[in-house]
Protein backbone atom coordinates (compact mmCIF):
# COMPACT_ATOMS: atom_id res chain seq x y z
CA MET A 1 45.85 65.25 149.54
CA LEU A 2 48.68 62.61 150.12
CA PRO A 3 46.29 59.57 149.84
CA ILE A 4 45.31 60.81 146.44
CA LEU A 5 48.97 61.04 145.27
CA LYS A 6 49.18 57.18 146.76
CA LEU A 7 46.58 56.25 144.51
CA MET A 8 47.57 57.95 141.46
CA LEU A 9 51.13 56.97 141.82
CA PHE A 10 50.27 52.93 141.81
CA PRO A 11 48.71 53.03 138.10
CA LEU A 12 51.52 55.27 137.01
CA LEU A 13 54.33 53.22 138.46
CA GLY A 14 52.52 50.20 137.28
CA GLY A 15 52.08 51.37 133.76
CA ILE A 16 55.81 52.26 133.54
CA VAL A 17 56.74 48.80 134.80
CA PHE A 18 54.47 47.20 132.18
CA LEU A 19 55.77 49.24 129.46
CA ALA A 20 59.52 48.55 130.29
CA GLY A 21 58.56 44.78 130.63
CA PHE A 22 56.85 44.67 127.31
CA ARG A 23 59.71 46.71 125.65
CA ALA A 24 62.44 44.10 127.35
CA TYR A 25 60.31 41.24 126.15
CA ARG A 26 60.16 42.50 122.55
CA TYR A 27 63.90 43.10 122.15
CA PHE A 28 64.77 39.75 123.72
CA ASN A 29 62.12 38.03 122.01
CA GLU A 30 63.33 39.02 118.97
CA LYS A 31 67.04 38.13 119.89
CA ILE A 32 65.53 34.73 120.95
CA ILE A 33 63.88 34.07 117.54
CA SER A 34 67.20 35.06 115.60
CA SER A 35 69.61 33.17 117.97
CA ARG A 36 71.15 30.21 115.81
CA SER A 37 73.01 28.39 118.63
CA LEU A 38 71.72 26.87 121.88
CA PRO A 39 74.25 28.86 124.23
CA ALA A 40 72.76 32.02 122.51
CA LEU A 41 69.30 30.77 123.02
CA LEU A 42 69.58 30.09 126.60
CA LEU A 43 71.79 33.28 127.52
CA TYR A 44 68.88 35.47 126.01
CA THR A 45 66.37 33.33 127.60
CA GLY A 46 68.01 33.83 130.98
CA LEU A 47 68.46 37.55 130.49
CA LEU A 48 64.70 37.91 129.35
CA ILE A 49 63.64 36.53 132.73
CA ALA A 50 66.47 38.13 134.80
CA VAL A 51 65.68 41.76 133.36
CA ASN A 52 61.95 41.37 133.81
CA ILE A 53 62.33 40.08 137.69
CA SER A 54 64.77 43.20 137.71
CA ILE A 55 62.10 45.76 136.63
CA VAL A 56 59.44 44.35 138.67
CA VAL A 57 61.79 44.40 141.88
CA VAL A 58 62.81 48.01 140.96
CA GLY A 59 59.18 48.82 140.70
CA ILE A 60 57.91 47.66 143.89
CA LEU A 61 61.12 48.93 145.59
CA THR A 62 60.27 52.33 144.11
CA LEU A 63 56.67 52.29 145.31
CA VAL A 64 57.38 51.23 148.78
CA LYS A 65 60.22 54.14 149.26
CA VAL A 66 57.68 56.79 147.78
CA TYR A 67 54.91 55.64 149.98
CA GLU A 68 57.36 55.84 152.85
CA TRP A 69 58.15 59.33 151.66
CA LEU A 70 54.66 60.54 151.52
CA SER A 71 53.62 59.10 154.97
């Protein structure tokens, strides 16, 4: 039963990470497009990169912790 849960967990968590990253991209892309100064442009670009990296790292750590818990 546990291997089946692990197989189901990967696409589920991958989908959640994808949707969170896509929503962050859409939000910050709108901010980047509407920014009128270079500092705002650089800030929103850096935040977009940092938020998406954070989402991926949290997703991977969650997957590892749940796999350890299921083992």
